[in-house]
Structure formats: C-alpha cells, structure tokens
C-alpha atoms as a PDB file:
ATOM      1  CA  MET A   1       0.000   0.000   0.000  1.00  0.00           C
ATOM      2  CA  THR A   2       1.355   3.424  -0.970  1.00  0.00           C
ATOM      3  CA  PRO A   3       1.035   6.248   1.572  1.00  0.00           C
ATOM      4  CA  PRO A   4      -1.044   9.276   0.580  1.00  0.00           C
ATOM      5  CA  ALA A   5       0.818  11.893  -1.487  1.00  0.00           C
ATOM      6  CA  PRO A   6       1.519  14.414   1.328  1.00  0.00           C
ATOM      7  CA  PHE A   7       3.305  11.736   3.407  1.00  0.00           C
ATOM      8  CA  ARG A   8       5.614  10.482   0.597  1.00  0.00           C
ATOM      9  CA  SER A   9       7.815  13.576   0.969  1.00  0.00           C
ATOM     10  CA  VAL A  10       8.235  13.266   4.772  1.00  0.00           C
ATOM     11  CA  PRO A  11      11.421  11.108   4.578  1.00  0.00           C
ATOM     12  CA  ARG A  12      12.911  13.545   2.075  1.00  0.00           C
ATOM     13  CA  LEU A  13      12.084  16.522   4.315  1.00  0.00           C
ATOM     14  CA  ALA A  14      13.539  14.753   7.349  1.00  0.00           C
ATOM     15  CA  ALA A  15      16.764  14.014   5.469  1.00  0.00           C
ATOM     16  CA  LEU A  16      16.972  17.604   4.226  1.00  0.00           C
ATOM     17  CA  GLY A  17      16.358  18.927   7.754  1.00  0.00           C
ATOM     18  CA  ALA A  18      19.086  16.670   9.181  1.00  0.00           C
ATOM     19  CA  VAL A  19      21.576  17.926   6.592  1.00  0.00           C
ATOM     20  CA  MET A  20      20.678  21.539   7.323  1.00  0.00           C
ATOM     21  CA  LEU A  21      20.946  21.069  11.092  1.00  0.00           C
ATOM     22  CA  SER A  22      24.287  19.288  10.807  1.00  0.00           C
ATOM     23  CA  ALA A  23      25.703  22.436   9.238  1.00  0.00           C
ATOM     24  CA  CYS A  24      24.753  24.325  12.416  1.00  0.00           C
ATOM     25  CA  ALA A  25      26.445  21.810  14.709  1.00  0.00           C
ATOM     26  CA  GLN A  26      29.996  22.552  13.610  1.00  0.00           C
ATOM     27  CA  ALA A  27      32.329  23.449  16.438  1.00  0.00           C
ATOM     28  CA  THR A  28      33.249  27.064  16.915  1.00  0.00           C
ATOM     29  CA  PRO A  29      36.995  27.525  16.467  1.00  0.00           C
ATOM     30  CA  GLN A  30      38.815  28.266  19.721  1.00  0.00           C
ATOM     31  CA  SER A  31      40.813  31.453  19.633  1.00  0.00           C
ATOM     32  CA  ALA A  32      44.223  31.553  21.231  1.00  0.00           C
ATOM     33  CA  PRO A  33      44.694  33.911  24.163  1.00  0.00           C
ATOM     34  CA  PRO A  34      46.531  37.140  23.348  1.00  0.00           C
ATOM     35  CA  ALA A  35      50.314  36.878  23.559  1.00  0.00           C
ATOM     36  CA  PHE A  36      50.495  38.994  26.729  1.00  0.00           C
ATOM     37  CA  ALA A  37      48.140  36.563  28.510  1.00  0.00           C
ATOM     38  CA  THR A  38      50.148  33.420  27.744  1.00  0.00           C
ATOM     39  CA  PRO A  39      52.338  32.443  30.701  1.00  0.00           C
ATOM     40  CA  GLU A  40      55.946  31.580  29.955  1.00  0.00           C
ATOM     41  CA  VAL A  41      58.766  29.891  31.846  1.00  0.00           C
ATOM     42  CA  THR A  42      62.415  30.991  31.738  1.00  0.00           C
ATOM     43  CA  TYR A  43      65.549  29.547  33.347  1.00  0.00           C
ATOM     44  CA  ASP A  44      68.149  31.441  35.361  1.00  0.00           C
ATOM     45  CA  ALA A  45      71.910  30.710  35.507  1.00  0.00           C
ATOM     46  CA  GLN A  46      71.418  28.201  38.357  1.00  0.00           C
ATOM     47  CA  GLY A  47      68.817  26.239  36.352  1.00  0.00           C
ATOM     48  CA  ARG A  48      65.859  27.443  38.412  1.00  0.00           C
ATOM     49  CA  CYS A  49      62.635  28.155  36.572  1.00  0.00           C
ATOM     50  CA  PHE A  50      60.725  31.396  36.759  1.00  0.00           C
ATOM     51  CA  GLY A  51      57.212  31.933  35.526  1.00  0.00           C
ATOM     52  CA  ARG A  52      56.230  35.171  33.873  1.00  0.00           C
ATOM     53  CA  ASP A  53      52.508  35.732  33.758  1.00  0.00           C
ATOM     54  CA  VAL A  54      49.990  38.529  33.578  1.00  0.00           C
ATOM     55  CA  THR A  55      47.434  38.693  36.356  1.00  0.00           C
ATOM     56  CA  PRO A  56      44.057  39.948  35.201  1.00  0.00           C
ATOM     57  CA  ALA A  57      42.705  43.310  36.219  1.00  0.00           C
ATOM     58  CA  VAL A  58      40.236  43.310  39.098  1.00  0.00           C
ATOM     59  CA  LEU A  59      36.958  45.052  38.354  1.00  0.00           C
ATOM     60  CA  GLN A  60      34.308  46.300  40.754  1.00  0.00           C
ATOM     61  CA  THR A  61      30.748  47.161  39.816  1.00  0.00           C
ATOM     62  CA  VAL A  62      29.743  50.500  41.317  1.00  0.00           C
ATOM     63  CA  THR A  63      26.198  51.864  41.487  1.00  0.00           C
ATOM     64  CA  VAL A  64      25.832  55.608  42.024  1.00  0.00           C
ATOM     65  CA  GLN A  65      23.011  58.135  42.105  1.00  0.00           C
ATOM     66  CA  VAL A  66      23.609  60.882  39.542  1.00  0.00           C
ATOM     67  CA  PRO A  67      21.613  64.153  39.556  1.00  0.00           C
ATOM     68  CA  ASP A  68      19.160  64.149  36.664  1.00  0.00           C
ATOM     69  CA  GLN A  69      17.411  67.475  37.270  1.00  0.00           C
ATOM     70  CA  PRO A  70      18.223  70.000  39.981  1.00  0.00           C
ATOM     71  CA  ALA A  71      15.672  71.011  42.574  1.00  0.00           C
ATOM     72  CA  VAL A  72      13.469  73.984  41.779  1.00  0.00           C
ATOM     73  CA  THR A  73      13.182  76.433  44.664  1.00  0.00           C
ATOM     74  CA  ALA A  74      11.165  79.551  45.279  1.00  0.00           C
ATOM     75  CA  PRO A  75      12.973  82.828  46.034  1.00  0.00           C
ATOM     76  CA  ASP A  76      12.322  82.246  49.727  1.00  0.00           C
ATOM     77  CA  GLY A  77      14.099  78.821  49.571  1.00  0.00           C
ATOM     78  CA  THR A  78      10.957  76.679  49.575  1.00  0.00           C
ATOM     79  CA  VAL A  79      11.404  73.571  47.418  1.00  0.00           C
ATOM     80  CA  ILE A  80       8.876  73.629  44.608  1.00  0.00           C
ATOM     81  CA  ARG A  81      10.136  70.459  42.962  1.00  0.00           C
ATOM     82  CA  PRO A  82      12.786  68.221  44.534  1.00  0.00           C
ATOM     83  CA  ALA A  83      15.834  67.169  42.572  1.00  0.00           C
ATOM     84  CA  THR A  84      15.568  63.939  40.620  1.00  0.00           C
ATOM     85  CA  TYR A  85      18.305  61.361  40.332  1.00  0.00           C
ATOM     86  CA  ARG A  86      19.024  58.410  38.093  1.00  0.00           C
ATOM     87  CA  THR A  87      20.946  55.288  38.984  1.00  0.00           C
ATOM     88  CA  GLU A  88      24.076  54.521  36.986  1.00  0.00           C
ATOM     89  CA  THR A  89      25.992  51.288  37.208  1.00  0.00           C
ATOM     90  CA  ARG A  90      29.531  51.109  35.902  1.00  0.00           C
ATOM     91  CA  GLN A  91      32.636  49.028  36.319  1.00  0.00           C
ATOM     92  CA  GLU A  92      35.821  50.443  37.766  1.00  0.00           C
ATOM     93  CA  ILE A  93      39.258  48.875  37.776  1.00  0.00           C
ATOM     94  CA  THR A  94      40.391  48.374  41.373  1.00  0.00           C
ATOM     95  CA  ARG A  95      43.686  46.728  40.371  1.00  0.00           C
ATOM     96  CA  GLU A  96      45.348  47.051  36.989  1.00  0.00           C
ATOM     97  CA  ARG A  97      46.556  43.971  35.163  1.00  0.00           C
ATOM     98  CA  GLN A  98      50.116  43.211  36.247  1.00  0.00           C
ATOM     99  CA  GLU A  99      53.062  41.249  34.938  1.00  0.00           C
ATOM    100  CA  VAL A 100      54.456  39.002  37.667  1.00  0.00           C
ATOM    101  CA  LEU A 101      57.666  36.971  37.901  1.00  0.00           C
ATOM    102  CA  PHE A 102      57.929  34.063  40.346  1.00  0.00           C
ATOM    103  CA  GLN A 103      59.812  30.823  40.847  1.00  0.00           C
ATOM    104  CA  THR A 104      57.941  27.820  39.466  1.00  0.00           C
ATOM    105  CA  ILE A 105      58.349  24.098  38.880  1.00  0.00           C
ATOM    106  CA  CYS A 106      60.472  23.499  35.757  1.00  0.00           C
ATOM    107  CA  PRO A 107      58.518  21.923  32.886  1.00  0.00           C
ATOM    108  CA  PRO A 108      60.690  18.744  32.806  1.00  0.00           C
ATOM    109  CA  ASP A 109      59.771  18.191  36.485  1.00  0.00           C
ATOM    110  CA  GLN A 110      56.048  18.446  35.745  1.00  0.00           C
ATOM    111  CA  THR A 111      55.787  14.733  35.062  1.00  0.00           C
ATOM    112  CA  VAL A 112      52.577  12.730  34.916  1.00  0.00           C
ATOM    113  CA  ASP A 113      53.257  11.567  38.499  1.00  0.00           C
ATOM    114  CA  PHE A 114      53.802  15.158  39.671  1.00  0.00           C
ATOM    115  CA  VAL A 115      50.601  16.395  38.008  1.00  0.00           C
ATOM    116  CA  GLN A 116      48.641  13.450  39.440  1.00  0.00           C
ATOM    117  CA  SER A 117      49.917  14.364  42.919  1.00  0.00           C
ATOM    118  CA  LEU A 118      48.999  17.992  42.253  1.00  0.00           C
ATOM    119  CA  GLN A 119      45.492  16.980  41.160  1.00  0.00           C
ATOM    120  CA  ARG A 120      45.056  14.801  44.268  1.00  0.00           C
ATOM    121  CA  ALA A 121      46.259  17.631  46.543  1.00  0.00           C
ATOM    122  CA  LEU A 122      43.867  20.113  44.906  1.00  0.00           C
ATOM    123  CA  LYS A 123      41.027  17.572  44.964  1.00  0.00           C
ATOM    124  CA  THR A 124      41.558  16.956  48.700  1.00  0.00           C
ATOM    125  CA  ARG A 125      41.207  20.697  49.285  1.00  0.00           C
ATOM    126  CA  GLY A 126      38.068  20.942  47.127  1.00  0.00           C
ATOM    127  CA  TYR A 127      39.595  22.886  44.225  1.00  0.00           C
ATOM    128  CA  TYR A 128      39.821  20.118  41.616  1.00  0.00           C
ATOM    129  CA  LEU A 129      36.729  18.100  40.766  1.00  0.00           C
ATOM    130  CA  GLY A 130      37.922  16.143  37.731  1.00  0.00           C
ATOM    131  CA  PRO A 131      39.513  12.727  37.355  1.00  0.00           C
ATOM    132  CA  ILE A 132      43.175  12.143  38.260  1.00  0.00           C
ATOM    133  CA  THR A 133      44.696  12.106  34.769  1.00  0.00           C
ATOM    134  CA  GLY A 134      48.188  13.527  35.152  1.00  0.00           C
ATOM    135  CA  ALA A 135      47.430  16.073  32.420  1.00  0.00           C
ATOM    136  CA  LEU A 136      47.673  19.830  32.865  1.00  0.00           C
ATOM    137  CA  ASP A 137      44.290  20.321  31.239  1.00  0.00           C
ATOM    138  CA  PRO A 138      42.046  23.402  31.509  1.00  0.00           C
ATOM    139  CA  GLU A 139      40.245  21.974  34.556  1.00  0.00           C
ATOM    140  CA  THR A 140      43.555  21.419  36.384  1.00  0.00           C
ATOM    141  CA  ASN A 141      44.780  24.899  35.429  1.00  0.00           C
ATOM    142  CA  ALA A 142      41.531  26.433  36.713  1.00  0.00           C
ATOM    143  CA  ALA A 143      41.990  24.593  40.029  1.00  0.00           C
ATOM    144  CA  ILE A 144      45.607  25.814  40.300  1.00  0.00           C
ATOM    145  CA  ARG A 145      44.487  29.396  39.648  1.00  0.00           C
ATOM    146  CA  ALA A 146      41.619  29.176  42.168  1.00  0.00           C
ATOM    147  CA  PHE A 147      43.880  27.714  44.878  1.00  0.00           C
ATOM    148  CA  GLN A 148      46.642  30.275  44.330  1.00  0.00           C
ATOM    149  CA  ARG A 149      44.228  33.209  44.049  1.00  0.00           C
ATOM    150  CA  VAL A 150      43.444  32.827  47.774  1.00  0.00           C
ATOM    151  CA  SER A 151      47.054  33.800  48.548  1.00  0.00           C
ATOM    152  CA  GLY A 152      47.072  36.637  46.011  1.00  0.00           C
ATOM    153  CA  HIS A 153      48.834  34.733  43.219  1.00  0.00           C
ATOM    154  CA  ASP A 154      46.468  34.697  40.225  1.00  0.00           C
ATOM    155  CA  SER A 155      48.166  32.389  37.705  1.00  0.00           C
ATOM    156  CA  THR A 156      47.802  28.941  36.181  1.00  0.00           C
ATOM    157  CA  LEU A 157      51.558  28.406  36.547  1.00  0.00           C
ATOM    158  CA  ILE A 158      52.191  26.779  39.891  1.00  0.00           C
ATOM    159  CA  ASP A 159      54.274  28.956  42.190  1.00  0.00           C
ATOM    160  CA  ILE A 160      57.054  27.083  44.016  1.00  0.00           C
ATOM    161  CA  LYS A 161      55.527  28.325  47.296  1.00  0.00           C
ATOM    162  CA  THR A 162      52.206  26.723  46.342  1.00  0.00           C
ATOM    163  CA  ALA A 163      53.936  23.453  45.454  1.00  0.00           C
ATOM    164  CA  ARG A 164      55.663  23.469  48.851  1.00  0.00           C
ATOM    165  CA  ALA A 165      52.413  24.286  50.662  1.00  0.00           C
ATOM    166  CA  LEU A 166      50.789  21.311  48.914  1.00  0.00           C
ATOM    167  CA  GLY A 167      53.717  19.054  49.873  1.00  0.00           C
ATOM    168  CA  LEU A 168      54.812  18.558  46.271  1.00  0.00           C
ATOM    169  CA  THR A 169      58.462  19.653  46.355  1.00  0.00           C
ATOM    170  CA  VAL A 170      61.539  18.473  48.141  1.00  0.00           C
ATOM    171  CA  LEU A 171      62.477  20.760  51.009  1.00  0.00           C
ATOM    172  CA  SER A 172      66.053  21.353  52.101  1.00  0.00           C
ATOM    173  CA  GLN A 173      67.090  20.546  55.673  1.00  0.00           C
ATOM    174  CA  GLU A 174      67.268  24.305  56.337  1.00  0.00           C
ATOM    175  CA  GLN A 175      63.646  24.724  55.206  1.00  0.00           C
ATOM    176  CA  LEU A 176      62.574  21.783  57.369  1.00  0.00           C
ATOM    177  CA  ASP A 177      64.383  23.220  60.399  1.00  0.00           C
ATOM    178  CA  ARG A 178      62.589  26.556  59.971  1.00  0.00           C
ATOM    179  CA  GLY A 179      59.266  24.692  60.107  1.00  0.00           C
END
C-alpha cells in the first residue's frame, strides 16, 4: 500500500532537515589567548625556573546616584520640585593587570606523576573536581588558579611556594628546620 501523497515527501524533508541542522552543529573555532596573557617559563643561571605571567585586572561594579534634574526652589528657599536622580551602574578597575615573575616548577619536572599528585592535593582541598589524569588540562589549570588566588597569586603556573604548601616539592634541611 502506498502512503497518501503528502506523506511520501516526509522522509525527504527529514533528510533535508538533518543535513541543514548538521551544518549548524559545527564546532566554533577556539581562539588563542593574546600573547600577553600566555604564561611563559624561563631559566636562570642556576637552572631554576621562573614563571612570567599577567594577572588579570580586578573590576568592581559600582552603582551611584547621579543628579538628573536640579531642585526647583522659590525665592524664599521653599522647594517647589525636589531634585531627581538616576541610577548609573559602571565598572571600575580596582587593580590594573600586572606582569608578575615568580619561581615555578620546571617543565621537565612536571611529570605525569607530579601532576597526578597535584590533582590529588587540589582535589583533597576541594579545588579540583575532575579525574586524576596527570594532564595539565584546563580543569587542572583552573583549580591551580583558584587555589593560588586565595594567597594573592592569580596564575595557572604553579608557584614554588604553592607546590611546597601542597607538599609537592623536596624541602632542604634548612627549610625543614625553619618549620
């Protein structure tokens, strides 16, 4: 039995719709961060590594009352019509973006085992919620930044002080003696 004429075109319309929708499902290309925002690691003469990063500016939203129309007063000072105000909301920079230089873990030392330990340490403290993969993926970098931000260090590069606080670096006897 052949379906009525209006229903014979339904499969064709469905196929056409699927093709059209698949064109919409293409991934949006990811843009690279600007060069100034990409952290970099350099070595000093003693072989120590230093991270150079740019901390983002800190913005604050401020709401203020701005005079819209002044008050109208009589010659004797009596207010005929009070002043009117409008509310304006704007963002102000409370801290400019800054370039920072700090000692960090050298890239060759950021092994899979090291990163797994880092992920476990951040997970224990509630900063990392992902699986323990040993990869410095965006989720791990976000956890590093969130943990370090508490101490005023806003970077995805792990500061040597952070690594020590998490128990991830070898301490000298002098550092152990100082407690």
